[in-house]
């Protein structure tokens, strides 16, 4: 079973994403603190990452992953900006990062996960 880690500072959003992901057959955990999430990433197949968090932004998480040599598929889930603009910006510095707007979680999240890591 594929394992997914969610790093999201809003408990209700993290729990909703976890429920959707588990309902589709994936194993899932979440961290509300990005620093704890960085320390917990080993052994996961995919990261679902919020971009706007108070203690450490998603961009900072991606940068720290680069520094630590953590290479795993990432889907950024955010309410900020337009998906194509954010995805384009992130892909310049972090090639392969996908984007799903929080407003599209119900319709696009599982599709994006399956596209990244399969079933």
N, C-alpha and C. Protein backbone atom coordinates (compact mmCIF):
# COMPACT_ATOMS: atom_id res chain seq x y z
N UNK A 1 0.85 -1.18 0.00
CA UNK A 1 0.00 0.00 0.00
C UNK A 1 0.89 1.24 0.00
N UNK A 2 0.61 2.17 -0.90
CA UNK A 2 1.38 3.42 -1.00
C UNK A 2 1.08 4.31 0.20
N UNK A 3 2.16 4.97 0.69
CA UNK A 3 2.04 5.83 1.87
C UNK A 3 2.19 7.30 1.48
N UNK A 4 1.28 8.12 2.00
CA UNK A 4 1.27 9.55 1.71
C UNK A 4 1.37 10.34 3.01
N UNK A 5 2.22 11.36 3.00
CA UNK A 5 2.35 12.27 4.13
C UNK A 5 1.76 13.62 3.73
N UNK A 6 0.91 14.15 4.59
CA UNK A 6 0.32 15.48 4.40
C UNK A 6 1.00 16.43 5.38
N UNK A 7 1.51 17.55 4.88
CA UNK A 7 2.02 18.62 5.73
C UNK A 7 1.11 19.82 5.50
N UNK A 8 0.27 20.09 6.47
CA UNK A 8 -0.79 21.10 6.37
C UNK A 8 -1.05 21.64 7.76
N UNK A 9 -1.04 22.96 7.92
CA UNK A 9 -1.19 23.56 9.25
C UNK A 9 -2.63 23.67 9.74
N UNK A 10 -3.62 23.49 8.87
CA UNK A 10 -5.01 23.58 9.28
C UNK A 10 -5.56 22.17 9.56
N UNK A 11 -5.86 21.86 10.83
CA UNK A 11 -6.29 20.51 11.19
C UNK A 11 -7.49 20.00 10.40
N UNK A 12 -8.49 20.84 10.18
CA UNK A 12 -9.68 20.39 9.44
C UNK A 12 -9.34 20.02 8.00
N UNK A 13 -8.49 20.80 7.37
CA UNK A 13 -8.10 20.52 5.98
C UNK A 13 -7.26 19.25 5.94
N UNK A 14 -6.31 19.10 6.87
CA UNK A 14 -5.47 17.91 6.91
C UNK A 14 -6.32 16.65 7.11
N UNK A 15 -7.27 16.72 8.01
CA UNK A 15 -8.14 15.57 8.28
C UNK A 15 -9.01 15.24 7.07
N UNK A 16 -9.51 16.25 6.38
CA UNK A 16 -10.32 16.02 5.18
C UNK A 16 -9.49 15.36 4.09
N UNK A 17 -8.28 15.86 3.86
CA UNK A 17 -7.42 15.25 2.85
C UNK A 17 -7.09 13.81 3.22
N UNK A 18 -6.78 13.58 4.50
CA UNK A 18 -6.48 12.22 4.97
C UNK A 18 -7.65 11.29 4.70
N UNK A 19 -8.85 11.73 5.00
CA UNK A 19 -10.03 10.91 4.79
C UNK A 19 -10.20 10.58 3.30
N UNK A 20 -10.03 11.56 2.42
CA UNK A 20 -10.16 11.33 0.98
C UNK A 20 -9.12 10.33 0.47
N UNK A 21 -7.90 10.51 0.91
CA UNK A 21 -6.80 9.67 0.46
C UNK A 21 -6.98 8.23 0.96
N UNK A 22 -7.33 8.07 2.23
CA UNK A 22 -7.53 6.73 2.78
C UNK A 22 -8.73 6.04 2.14
N UNK A 23 -9.77 6.79 1.84
CA UNK A 23 -10.95 6.24 1.21
C UNK A 23 -10.61 5.65 -0.17
N UNK A 24 -9.56 6.21 -0.79
CA UNK A 24 -9.17 5.71 -2.10
C UNK A 24 -8.09 4.63 -2.02
N UNK A 25 -7.78 4.16 -0.81
CA UNK A 25 -6.90 3.01 -0.66
C UNK A 25 -5.45 3.28 -0.34
N UNK A 26 -5.11 4.50 -0.01
CA UNK A 26 -3.74 4.83 0.37
C UNK A 26 -3.62 4.88 1.89
N UNK A 27 -2.42 4.61 2.39
CA UNK A 27 -2.14 4.82 3.81
C UNK A 27 -1.71 6.28 3.95
N UNK A 28 -2.14 6.96 5.00
CA UNK A 28 -1.89 8.39 5.09
C UNK A 28 -1.69 8.84 6.54
N UNK A 29 -0.75 9.74 6.71
CA UNK A 29 -0.51 10.43 7.98
C UNK A 29 -0.40 11.91 7.68
N UNK A 30 -0.54 12.72 8.73
CA UNK A 30 -0.31 14.15 8.51
C UNK A 30 0.43 14.77 9.68
N UNK A 31 1.10 15.88 9.37
CA UNK A 31 1.80 16.69 10.35
C UNK A 31 1.27 18.12 10.22
N UNK A 32 0.97 18.73 11.33
CA UNK A 32 0.51 20.11 11.33
C UNK A 32 1.68 21.09 11.38
N UNK A 33 2.85 20.60 11.72
CA UNK A 33 4.06 21.41 11.81
C UNK A 33 5.02 20.98 10.70
N UNK A 34 5.39 21.90 9.80
CA UNK A 34 6.26 21.53 8.68
C UNK A 34 7.62 20.99 9.11
N UNK A 35 8.17 21.49 10.21
CA UNK A 35 9.48 20.99 10.66
C UNK A 35 9.38 19.52 11.09
N UNK A 36 8.30 19.17 11.77
CA UNK A 36 8.08 17.77 12.12
C UNK A 36 7.87 16.93 10.87
N UNK A 37 7.17 17.51 9.90
CA UNK A 37 6.95 16.81 8.64
C UNK A 37 8.26 16.47 7.94
N UNK A 38 9.19 17.41 7.93
CA UNK A 38 10.50 17.17 7.32
C UNK A 38 11.21 15.99 7.97
N UNK A 39 11.11 15.91 9.29
CA UNK A 39 11.77 14.82 10.01
C UNK A 39 11.08 13.48 9.83
N UNK A 40 9.82 13.50 9.38
CA UNK A 40 9.01 12.30 9.27
C UNK A 40 8.93 11.74 7.84
N UNK A 41 9.52 12.39 6.85
CA UNK A 41 9.30 12.06 5.45
C UNK A 41 9.81 10.71 4.99
N UNK A 42 10.81 10.17 5.65
CA UNK A 42 11.39 8.90 5.22
C UNK A 42 10.32 7.81 5.22
N UNK A 43 10.27 7.05 4.13
CA UNK A 43 9.35 5.93 4.05
C UNK A 43 8.02 6.24 3.40
N UNK A 44 7.82 7.49 2.98
CA UNK A 44 6.57 7.85 2.31
C UNK A 44 6.80 7.89 0.80
N UNK A 45 5.73 7.63 0.06
CA UNK A 45 5.80 7.61 -1.40
C UNK A 45 5.46 8.96 -2.03
N UNK A 46 4.77 9.82 -1.28
CA UNK A 46 4.30 11.10 -1.81
C UNK A 46 4.07 12.08 -0.68
N UNK A 47 4.32 13.36 -0.97
CA UNK A 47 4.06 14.44 -0.02
C UNK A 47 2.97 15.34 -0.58
N UNK A 48 1.92 15.58 0.23
CA UNK A 48 0.92 16.61 -0.06
C UNK A 48 1.28 17.79 0.82
N UNK A 49 1.59 18.93 0.24
CA UNK A 49 2.21 20.04 0.95
C UNK A 49 1.43 21.34 0.78
N UNK A 50 1.05 21.94 1.91
CA UNK A 50 0.46 23.28 1.89
C UNK A 50 1.59 24.27 1.62
N UNK A 51 1.30 25.34 0.91
CA UNK A 51 2.35 26.31 0.59
C UNK A 51 2.41 27.46 1.60
N UNK A 52 1.26 27.83 2.18
CA UNK A 52 1.22 28.94 3.13
C UNK A 52 1.00 28.42 4.55
N UNK A 53 2.08 28.39 5.32
CA UNK A 53 2.01 27.95 6.71
C UNK A 53 2.78 28.95 7.56
N UNK A 54 2.38 29.15 8.82
CA UNK A 54 2.99 30.21 9.62
C UNK A 54 4.43 29.98 10.06
N UNK A 55 4.79 28.78 10.44
CA UNK A 55 6.14 28.56 10.99
C UNK A 55 7.20 28.38 9.91
N UNK A 56 6.77 27.78 8.81
CA UNK A 56 7.70 27.48 7.72
C UNK A 56 6.84 27.31 6.47
N UNK A 57 7.13 28.05 5.43
CA UNK A 57 6.31 27.97 4.22
C UNK A 57 6.58 26.67 3.47
N UNK A 58 5.66 26.33 2.58
CA UNK A 58 5.87 25.16 1.73
C UNK A 58 7.10 25.31 0.86
N UNK A 59 7.37 26.52 0.42
CA UNK A 59 8.59 26.76 -0.38
C UNK A 59 9.83 26.47 0.45
N UNK A 60 9.81 26.85 1.72
CA UNK A 60 10.95 26.56 2.59
C UNK A 60 11.08 25.05 2.83
N UNK A 61 9.96 24.36 2.92
CA UNK A 61 10.00 22.90 3.06
C UNK A 61 10.66 22.29 1.82
N UNK A 62 10.25 22.74 0.62
CA UNK A 62 10.84 22.23 -0.61
C UNK A 62 12.34 22.50 -0.66
N UNK A 63 12.75 23.69 -0.24
CA UNK A 63 14.18 24.03 -0.22
C UNK A 63 14.94 23.14 0.75
N UNK A 64 14.37 22.92 1.92
CA UNK A 64 15.01 22.05 2.91
C UNK A 64 15.09 20.61 2.42
N UNK A 65 14.06 20.16 1.71
CA UNK A 65 14.10 18.81 1.13
C UNK A 65 15.27 18.69 0.16
N UNK A 66 15.48 19.73 -0.65
CA UNK A 66 16.62 19.73 -1.58
C UNK A 66 17.93 19.62 -0.82
N UNK A 67 18.07 20.43 0.22
CA UNK A 67 19.30 20.43 1.02
C UNK A 67 19.56 19.08 1.66
N UNK A 68 18.51 18.43 2.13
CA UNK A 68 18.64 17.13 2.80
C UNK A 68 18.69 15.95 1.84
N UNK A 69 18.52 16.23 0.56
CA UNK A 69 18.53 15.15 -0.42
C UNK A 69 17.29 14.28 -0.39
N UNK A 70 16.18 14.86 0.08
CA UNK A 70 14.92 14.12 0.11
C UNK A 70 14.27 14.27 -1.26
N UNK A 71 14.18 13.15 -1.96
CA UNK A 71 13.65 13.17 -3.32
C UNK A 71 12.39 12.32 -3.36
N UNK A 72 11.26 12.97 -3.32
CA UNK A 72 9.99 12.26 -3.39
C UNK A 72 9.00 13.11 -4.18
N UNK A 73 8.00 12.50 -4.79
CA UNK A 73 6.99 13.28 -5.49
C UNK A 73 6.24 14.20 -4.53
N UNK A 74 5.92 15.40 -5.02
CA UNK A 74 5.24 16.40 -4.20
C UNK A 74 4.06 16.97 -4.97
N UNK A 75 2.93 17.07 -4.27
CA UNK A 75 1.78 17.80 -4.79
C UNK A 75 1.50 18.93 -3.81
N UNK A 76 1.60 20.16 -4.29
CA UNK A 76 1.29 21.32 -3.47
C UNK A 76 -0.22 21.52 -3.49
N UNK A 77 -0.81 21.63 -2.31
CA UNK A 77 -2.24 21.86 -2.17
C UNK A 77 -2.39 23.21 -1.48
N UNK A 78 -2.96 24.19 -2.20
CA UNK A 78 -2.99 25.54 -1.66
C UNK A 78 -4.20 26.32 -2.13
N UNK A 79 -4.60 27.27 -1.31
CA UNK A 79 -5.69 28.19 -1.67
C UNK A 79 -5.15 29.48 -2.28
N UNK A 80 -3.83 29.58 -2.39
CA UNK A 80 -3.19 30.81 -2.84
C UNK A 80 -3.04 30.83 -4.36
N UNK A 81 -3.46 31.91 -4.98
CA UNK A 81 -3.20 32.14 -6.39
C UNK A 81 -3.92 31.20 -7.34
N UNK A 82 -3.61 31.33 -8.59
CA UNK A 82 -4.17 30.49 -9.62
C UNK A 82 -3.28 29.27 -9.83
N UNK A 83 -3.85 28.10 -9.97
CA UNK A 83 -3.06 26.87 -10.09
C UNK A 83 -1.96 26.92 -11.14
N UNK A 84 -2.25 27.38 -12.35
CA UNK A 84 -1.23 27.38 -13.40
C UNK A 84 -0.08 28.32 -13.09
N UNK A 85 -0.38 29.47 -12.51
CA UNK A 85 0.68 30.42 -12.16
C UNK A 85 1.59 29.85 -11.06
N UNK A 86 0.97 29.30 -10.02
CA UNK A 86 1.76 28.74 -8.92
C UNK A 86 2.56 27.53 -9.41
N UNK A 87 1.94 26.65 -10.16
CA UNK A 87 2.63 25.45 -10.65
C UNK A 87 3.82 25.85 -11.52
N UNK A 88 3.64 26.82 -12.38
CA UNK A 88 4.71 27.28 -13.25
C UNK A 88 5.87 27.84 -12.43
N UNK A 89 5.55 28.67 -11.44
CA UNK A 89 6.58 29.27 -10.58
C UNK A 89 7.34 28.19 -9.82
N UNK A 90 6.62 27.26 -9.20
CA UNK A 90 7.27 26.21 -8.41
C UNK A 90 8.12 25.30 -9.27
N UNK A 91 7.66 24.99 -10.47
CA UNK A 91 8.40 24.08 -11.33
C UNK A 91 9.72 24.65 -11.82
N UNK A 92 9.88 25.96 -11.78
CA UNK A 92 11.17 26.56 -12.14
C UNK A 92 12.25 26.16 -11.14
N UNK A 93 11.90 26.17 -9.85
CA UNK A 93 12.87 25.83 -8.81
C UNK A 93 12.78 24.37 -8.37
N UNK A 94 11.62 23.78 -8.51
CA UNK A 94 11.40 22.42 -8.03
C UNK A 94 10.69 21.62 -9.12
N UNK A 95 11.43 21.19 -10.14
CA UNK A 95 10.81 20.48 -11.27
C UNK A 95 10.02 19.25 -10.80
N UNK A 96 8.87 19.06 -11.41
CA UNK A 96 8.06 17.88 -11.09
C UNK A 96 7.02 18.08 -10.02
N UNK A 97 7.03 19.24 -9.36
CA UNK A 97 6.03 19.52 -8.34
C UNK A 97 4.70 19.82 -9.03
N UNK A 98 3.65 19.16 -8.58
CA UNK A 98 2.31 19.41 -9.11
C UNK A 98 1.55 20.31 -8.15
N UNK A 99 0.41 20.81 -8.62
CA UNK A 99 -0.39 21.74 -7.82
C UNK A 99 -1.85 21.37 -7.92
N UNK A 100 -2.54 21.36 -6.76
CA UNK A 100 -3.99 21.21 -6.70
C UNK A 100 -4.51 22.32 -5.80
N UNK A 101 -5.45 23.10 -6.31
CA UNK A 101 -6.05 24.16 -5.50
C UNK A 101 -6.96 23.53 -4.45
N UNK A 102 -6.99 24.09 -3.26
CA UNK A 102 -7.84 23.56 -2.20
C UNK A 102 -9.31 23.55 -2.62
N UNK A 103 -9.69 24.45 -3.49
CA UNK A 103 -11.07 24.47 -3.96
C UNK A 103 -11.37 23.28 -4.87
N UNK A 104 -10.33 22.57 -5.33
CA UNK A 104 -10.50 21.43 -6.22
C UNK A 104 -10.14 20.10 -5.56
N UNK A 105 -10.00 20.10 -4.24
CA UNK A 105 -9.56 18.88 -3.55
C UNK A 105 -10.47 17.70 -3.89
N UNK A 106 -11.76 17.89 -3.84
CA UNK A 106 -12.67 16.77 -4.06
C UNK A 106 -12.59 16.21 -5.48
N UNK A 107 -12.34 17.06 -6.45
CA UNK A 107 -12.35 16.59 -7.84
C UNK A 107 -10.98 16.25 -8.40
N UNK A 108 -9.92 16.85 -7.88
CA UNK A 108 -8.61 16.72 -8.51
C UNK A 108 -7.54 16.01 -7.68
N UNK A 109 -7.70 15.92 -6.36
CA UNK A 109 -6.62 15.40 -5.52
C UNK A 109 -6.27 13.96 -5.86
N UNK A 110 -7.24 13.07 -5.87
CA UNK A 110 -6.96 11.66 -6.13
C UNK A 110 -6.40 11.48 -7.54
N UNK A 111 -6.95 12.20 -8.52
CA UNK A 111 -6.42 12.11 -9.88
C UNK A 111 -4.93 12.47 -9.90
N UNK A 112 -4.57 13.54 -9.19
CA UNK A 112 -3.16 13.98 -9.16
C UNK A 112 -2.28 12.94 -8.46
N UNK A 113 -2.78 12.33 -7.40
CA UNK A 113 -2.02 11.31 -6.67
C UNK A 113 -1.78 10.10 -7.58
N UNK A 114 -2.83 9.61 -8.21
CA UNK A 114 -2.71 8.43 -9.09
C UNK A 114 -1.73 8.74 -10.22
N UNK A 115 -1.79 9.94 -10.74
CA UNK A 115 -0.87 10.34 -11.82
C UNK A 115 0.58 10.33 -11.33
N UNK A 116 0.81 10.73 -10.08
CA UNK A 116 2.18 10.80 -9.53
C UNK A 116 2.73 9.44 -9.13
N UNK A 117 1.93 8.65 -8.37
CA UNK A 117 2.49 7.41 -7.80
C UNK A 117 1.68 6.16 -8.11
N UNK A 118 0.58 6.28 -8.85
CA UNK A 118 -0.22 5.12 -9.18
C UNK A 118 -1.07 4.68 -8.00
N UNK A 119 -1.68 3.54 -8.15
CA UNK A 119 -2.54 2.97 -7.10
C UNK A 119 -1.75 2.05 -6.21
